[in-house]
């Protein structure tokens, strides 16, 4: 008998999306504080860029902090935001913050927490601040077979992950929008899903990403939803951010995830849906369970 028969079964390799979601080396970064609260991570290589603004940011060697002389003002959030805005504008003009969005994000470590300041969306990864996103899995049920899944391909003009496969719907949550409100808005913009259908989406898991990227750090909380899409519905992009939609089998989607052809966020949202539907199990995606918790 071959001796390999006595070896324990091999554990599957970690999927690229799960490995990427925790690919972060704290030693390559310095914490960013507002008051007593750490709100982000700044790359060691970028810290010297901020020394030009000692009246806004203080580098004490172990951390970079927003200076505290704003904290006693009545309009502290507005003053912090204006001070950070002047820094962000200059950094963007110099090419250190790419992909300007003209969208406002709040700096807050919990979605329901009061904002500590507001920044341009494009700057969130430079400062490594927590961001929030809603993703939707579009599912077509079949009576006698596994469901099919609608997959989108991101436009080549997208600032992040151009041309990669994505969920049917996915978008960042800007300041002033709720989670479900964002989902309904993105459903129409990305796939032409009318509000009456979008409102039938069901919440799934909530996943947490902390990964190093070329533009900085993605620290993001992903709210996952599933939507039963009627068999006769065909998605139609409205905002130019999706180049195509395709209806795929589960085995095709699993293959794209394993090959790293889907974005990290979309892959995680899809794995969450497949786990809940018992179309795969935890053994198939080692490490995923840790992503339902905030990183240490």
Protein backbone atom coordinates (compact mmCIF):
# COMPACT_ATOMS: atom_id res chain seq x y z
CA UNK A 1 0.00 0.00 0.00
CA UNK A 2 1.26 3.49 -0.82
CA UNK A 3 2.47 5.22 2.37
CA UNK A 4 0.62 8.40 1.36
CA UNK A 5 -2.60 6.61 2.35
CA UNK A 6 -1.63 7.13 5.97
CA UNK A 7 -1.08 10.88 5.69
CA UNK A 8 -3.76 13.20 7.11
CA UNK A 9 -5.91 14.97 4.53
CA UNK A 10 -4.42 18.17 3.20
CA UNK A 11 -6.08 21.42 4.21
CA UNK A 12 -7.04 23.58 1.24
CA UNK A 13 -4.83 26.55 0.53
CA UNK A 14 -6.09 29.92 1.66
CA UNK A 15 -7.96 31.72 -1.10
CA UNK A 16 -6.23 34.84 -2.45
CA UNK A 17 -9.05 37.14 -1.31
CA UNK A 18 -8.83 35.88 2.29
CA UNK A 19 -5.05 36.19 2.36
CA UNK A 20 -5.25 39.72 0.92
CA UNK A 21 -7.91 40.81 3.41
CA UNK A 22 -5.38 40.54 6.26
CA UNK A 23 -2.19 41.33 4.34
CA UNK A 24 -1.02 44.14 6.58
CA UNK A 25 2.32 44.75 8.30
CA UNK A 26 1.95 47.21 11.18
CA UNK A 27 5.71 47.72 11.32
CA UNK A 28 5.53 49.39 7.90
CA UNK A 29 3.00 51.90 9.21
CA UNK A 30 2.53 54.43 11.98
CA UNK A 31 -0.79 54.88 13.81
CA UNK A 32 -2.85 57.98 13.05
CA UNK A 33 -4.72 59.54 15.98
CA UNK A 34 -7.42 62.13 16.45
CA UNK A 35 -7.54 62.93 20.14
CA UNK A 36 -7.09 59.74 22.15
CA UNK A 37 -8.53 57.52 19.40
CA UNK A 38 -6.50 55.74 16.75
CA UNK A 39 -8.40 56.27 13.52
CA UNK A 40 -5.99 55.05 10.86
CA UNK A 41 -2.58 53.93 9.62
CA UNK A 42 -0.06 55.99 7.64
CA UNK A 43 2.79 54.34 5.76
CA UNK A 44 6.24 54.94 7.19
CA UNK A 45 7.38 56.11 3.77
CA UNK A 46 4.66 58.79 3.70
CA UNK A 47 5.17 60.29 7.15
CA UNK A 48 7.84 62.77 6.02
CA UNK A 49 5.33 64.23 3.54
CA UNK A 50 3.26 65.40 6.50
CA UNK A 51 6.08 67.24 8.27
CA UNK A 52 5.29 70.30 6.12
CA UNK A 53 2.18 70.93 8.22
CA UNK A 54 3.29 71.02 11.89
CA UNK A 55 0.34 73.29 12.65
CA UNK A 56 -2.02 70.46 11.60
CA UNK A 57 -0.22 67.16 12.24
CA UNK A 58 2.25 66.16 14.95
CA UNK A 59 4.74 63.32 14.52
CA UNK A 60 6.07 62.18 17.90
CA UNK A 61 8.01 59.24 16.50
CA UNK A 62 5.52 56.59 17.55
CA UNK A 63 2.37 58.06 16.01
CA UNK A 64 1.03 60.90 13.90
CA UNK A 65 -1.75 62.92 15.51
CA UNK A 66 -3.98 65.75 14.53
CA UNK A 67 -2.87 68.66 16.69
CA UNK A 68 -5.12 69.17 19.69
CA UNK A 69 -5.58 72.94 19.55
CA UNK A 70 -8.80 72.32 17.55
CA UNK A 71 -10.31 70.23 20.33
CA UNK A 72 -11.55 73.03 22.57
CA UNK A 73 -13.35 74.88 19.78
CA UNK A 74 -17.13 74.79 19.56
CA UNK A 75 -16.98 73.74 15.88
CA UNK A 76 -14.20 71.19 16.41
CA UNK A 77 -15.28 68.80 13.63
CA UNK A 78 -15.44 71.59 11.05
CA UNK A 79 -12.02 72.97 12.08
CA UNK A 80 -10.40 69.52 11.98
CA UNK A 81 -11.96 68.86 8.57
CA UNK A 82 -10.78 72.18 7.14
CA UNK A 83 -7.25 71.65 8.42
CA UNK A 84 -7.08 68.11 7.02
CA UNK A 85 -8.64 69.35 3.79
CA UNK A 86 -5.79 71.80 3.18
CA UNK A 87 -3.26 68.99 3.64
CA UNK A 88 -5.20 66.57 1.45
CA UNK A 89 -5.61 69.12 -1.33
CA UNK A 90 -1.88 69.78 -1.45
CA UNK A 91 -1.00 66.07 -1.37
CA UNK A 92 -3.45 65.36 -4.17
CA UNK A 93 -2.01 68.17 -6.29
CA UNK A 94 1.44 66.59 -5.86
CA UNK A 95 0.15 63.16 -6.93
CA UNK A 96 0.36 61.50 -3.52
CA UNK A 97 -3.43 61.00 -3.30
CA UNK A 98 -4.79 59.68 -6.62
CA UNK A 99 -8.36 59.27 -7.81
CA UNK A 100 -10.10 62.36 -6.44
CA UNK A 101 -13.82 61.56 -6.02
CA UNK A 102 -15.50 64.74 -4.73
CA UNK A 103 -17.18 62.51 -2.14
CA UNK A 104 -17.13 63.09 1.60
CA UNK A 105 -16.29 60.33 4.07
CA UNK A 106 -16.55 60.62 7.83
CA UNK A 107 -13.64 59.55 10.03
CA UNK A 108 -15.21 57.22 12.61
CA UNK A 109 -14.33 53.75 13.86
CA UNK A 110 -17.96 52.62 14.06
CA UNK A 111 -20.60 53.32 11.46
CA UNK A 112 -22.96 54.71 14.10
CA UNK A 113 -20.31 56.81 15.89
CA UNK A 114 -20.24 60.62 15.65
CA UNK A 115 -17.72 61.80 13.04
CA UNK A 116 -14.37 63.05 14.35
CA UNK A 117 -13.69 64.81 11.04
CA UNK A 118 -14.59 64.67 7.36
CA UNK A 119 -12.22 63.94 4.48
CA UNK A 120 -12.30 63.49 0.71
CA UNK A 121 -12.96 59.83 -0.10
CA UNK A 122 -9.72 59.47 -2.07
CA UNK A 123 -7.71 60.36 1.06
CA UNK A 124 -9.16 57.58 3.21
CA UNK A 125 -6.55 55.06 2.11
CA UNK A 126 -3.63 57.48 2.44
CA UNK A 127 -4.61 57.95 6.09
CA UNK A 128 -5.86 54.36 6.48
CA UNK A 129 -9.16 55.43 8.04
CA UNK A 130 -12.15 53.12 8.41
CA UNK A 131 -14.52 53.08 5.45
CA UNK A 132 -17.82 51.31 4.89
CA UNK A 133 -19.33 49.64 1.85
CA UNK A 134 -22.48 47.76 0.83
CA UNK A 135 -22.26 44.77 -1.53
CA UNK A 136 -25.11 42.80 -3.05
CA UNK A 137 -25.11 39.27 -4.44
CA UNK A 138 -27.68 38.97 -7.22
CA UNK A 139 -29.07 35.42 -7.16
CA UNK A 140 -31.37 33.71 -9.66
CA UNK A 141 -33.07 30.69 -8.09
CA UNK A 142 -33.68 27.57 -10.17
CA UNK A 143 -36.21 24.93 -9.21
CA UNK A 144 -34.17 21.81 -9.84
CA UNK A 145 -30.58 23.06 -9.87
CA UNK A 146 -28.15 25.25 -8.02
CA UNK A 147 -28.85 28.98 -8.26
CA UNK A 148 -27.13 31.19 -10.79
CA UNK A 149 -25.35 34.41 -9.83
CA UNK A 150 -25.16 37.74 -11.64
CA UNK A 151 -21.59 39.02 -11.87
CA UNK A 152 -20.48 42.47 -13.02
CA UNK A 153 -17.20 43.48 -14.65
CA UNK A 154 -15.81 46.79 -13.49
CA UNK A 155 -15.18 49.44 -16.11
CA UNK A 156 -11.59 49.93 -17.24
CA UNK A 157 -12.02 53.55 -16.17
CA UNK A 158 -12.58 52.72 -12.49
CA UNK A 159 -10.04 54.16 -10.06
CA UNK A 160 -9.76 50.86 -8.17
CA UNK A 161 -9.63 47.32 -9.60
CA UNK A 162 -10.41 48.30 -13.21
CA UNK A 163 -11.66 45.43 -15.36
CA UNK A 164 -12.00 42.95 -12.50
CA UNK A 165 -15.10 40.88 -11.78
CA UNK A 166 -17.39 42.20 -9.07
CA UNK A 167 -20.69 41.62 -7.31
CA UNK A 168 -23.86 42.67 -9.08
CA UNK A 169 -23.80 45.79 -6.87
CA UNK A 170 -21.17 47.29 -4.60
CA UNK A 171 -20.39 50.78 -3.40
CA UNK A 172 -18.83 52.87 -0.68
CA UNK A 173 -21.09 54.58 1.85
CA UNK A 174 -20.58 58.33 1.80
CA UNK A 175 -21.38 60.72 4.60
CA UNK A 176 -25.10 61.37 4.96
CA UNK A 177 -26.18 57.99 3.55
CA UNK A 178 -27.39 54.95 5.47
CA UNK A 179 -26.37 51.42 4.61
CA UNK A 180 -29.66 50.38 3.00
CA UNK A 181 -30.11 53.79 1.39
CA UNK A 182 -26.70 53.39 -0.26
CA UNK A 183 -27.59 49.90 -1.42
CA UNK A 184 -30.79 51.06 -3.11
CA UNK A 185 -28.96 53.96 -4.80
CA UNK A 186 -26.13 51.72 -6.02
CA UNK A 187 -28.60 49.07 -7.23
CA UNK A 188 -30.04 51.53 -9.70
CA UNK A 189 -26.76 53.18 -10.73
CA UNK A 190 -24.78 49.99 -11.26
CA UNK A 191 -27.39 47.52 -12.48
CA UNK A 192 -30.68 49.31 -13.17
CA UNK A 193 -32.43 47.50 -10.31
CA UNK A 194 -35.55 49.50 -9.42
CA UNK A 195 -36.05 50.55 -5.79
CA UNK A 196 -39.08 48.30 -5.28
CA UNK A 197 -36.95 45.25 -6.12
CA UNK A 198 -33.85 46.49 -4.30
CA UNK A 199 -35.83 46.90 -1.08
CA UNK A 200 -36.40 43.12 -0.98
CA UNK A 201 -32.66 42.49 -0.44
CA UNK A 202 -31.83 40.50 2.69
CA UNK A 203 -28.84 41.27 4.93
CA UNK A 204 -26.03 38.74 5.18
CA UNK A 205 -22.74 38.91 7.03
CA UNK A 206 -20.48 41.84 7.86
CA UNK A 207 -16.82 41.41 6.94
CA UNK A 208 -13.71 43.41 7.82
CA UNK A 209 -10.74 44.06 5.54
CA UNK A 210 -7.33 45.46 6.51
CA UNK A 211 -4.96 45.28 3.56
CA UNK A 212 -2.01 47.19 2.15
CA UNK A 213 -2.61 48.65 -1.31
CA UNK A 214 -0.55 50.80 -3.67
CA UNK A 215 -2.51 53.89 -2.60
CA UNK A 216 -2.34 53.15 1.14
CA UNK A 217 -4.40 51.03 3.52
CA UNK A 218 -7.89 49.70 3.00
CA UNK A 219 -9.56 49.43 6.39
CA UNK A 220 -13.14 48.64 5.44
CA UNK A 221 -16.29 47.14 6.85
CA UNK A 222 -18.39 45.40 4.20
CA UNK A 223 -22.14 44.98 4.71
CA UNK A 224 -23.31 42.03 2.58
CA UNK A 225 -26.80 41.63 1.13
CA UNK A 226 -28.47 39.02 -1.07
CA UNK A 227 -31.18 39.76 -3.61
CA UNK A 228 -33.38 37.20 -5.34
CA UNK A 229 -33.38 38.46 -8.93
CA UNK A 230 -36.29 37.42 -11.17
CA UNK A 231 -35.29 35.10 -14.01
CA UNK A 232 -36.57 37.58 -16.60
CA UNK A 233 -34.61 40.55 -15.23
CA UNK A 234 -31.46 41.69 -17.06
CA UNK A 235 -29.13 44.17 -15.31
CA UNK A 236 -28.35 47.39 -17.15
CA UNK A 237 -25.62 49.73 -15.92
CA UNK A 238 -26.62 53.40 -15.62
CA UNK A 239 -23.46 55.24 -14.52
CA UNK A 240 -20.73 53.86 -16.81
CA UNK A 241 -18.89 52.08 -13.98
CA UNK A 242 -19.75 48.54 -15.18
CA UNK A 243 -18.63 47.25 -18.58
CA UNK A 244 -20.71 44.05 -18.64
CA UNK A 245 -22.93 41.69 -16.65
CA UNK A 246 -22.93 37.92 -16.91
CA UNK A 247 -25.07 35.19 -15.39
CA UNK A 248 -22.77 32.52 -14.01
CA UNK A 249 -22.89 29.09 -12.43
CA UNK A 250 -21.66 28.64 -8.87
CA UNK A 251 -18.69 26.53 -9.99
CA UNK A 252 -17.64 29.29 -12.39
CA UNK A 253 -17.78 31.88 -9.63
CA UNK A 254 -15.79 29.68 -7.28
CA UNK A 255 -13.17 29.27 -10.00
CA UNK A 256 -12.88 33.05 -10.49
CA UNK A 257 -12.52 33.56 -6.74
CA UNK A 258 -9.80 30.89 -6.54
CA UNK A 259 -7.96 32.45 -9.48
CA UNK A 260 -8.13 35.96 -8.00
CA UNK A 261 -10.17 37.29 -10.92
CA UNK A 262 -12.80 38.87 -8.66
CA UNK A 263 -12.06 41.83 -6.41
CA UNK A 264 -11.23 41.02 -2.80
CA UNK A 265 -14.43 42.69 -1.55
CA UNK A 266 -16.67 40.93 -4.07
CA UNK A 267 -15.03 37.57 -3.42
CA UNK A 268 -15.61 37.86 0.32
CA UNK A 269 -19.22 38.92 -0.15
CA UNK A 270 -19.82 35.96 -2.47
CA UNK A 271 -18.15 33.49 -0.09
CA UNK A 272 -20.40 34.77 2.68
CA UNK A 273 -23.48 34.08 0.55
CA UNK A 274 -22.28 30.60 -0.48
CA UNK A 275 -21.57 29.67 3.13
CA UNK A 276 -24.99 30.80 4.27
CA UNK A 277 -26.60 28.86 1.39
CA UNK A 278 -24.53 25.78 2.33
CA UNK A 279 -23.04 25.70 -1.16
CA UNK A 280 -19.60 25.47 0.45
CA UNK A 281 -18.38 24.95 4.00
CA UNK A 282 -15.82 26.51 6.28
CA UNK A 283 -13.22 23.91 5.27
CA UNK A 284 -13.37 25.28 1.70
CA UNK A 285 -12.39 28.80 2.79
CA UNK A 286 -9.97 28.65 5.75
CA UNK A 287 -9.46 31.96 7.48
CA UNK A 288 -12.77 33.48 6.42
CA UNK A 289 -14.22 33.19 9.92
CA UNK A 290 -11.60 35.66 11.22
CA UNK A 291 -12.86 38.32 8.80
CA UNK A 292 -16.19 38.57 10.60
CA UNK A 293 -14.28 40.21 13.46
CA UNK A 294 -12.41 43.49 13.53
CA UNK A 295 -8.66 42.95 13.04
CA UNK A 296 -6.54 42.96 16.19
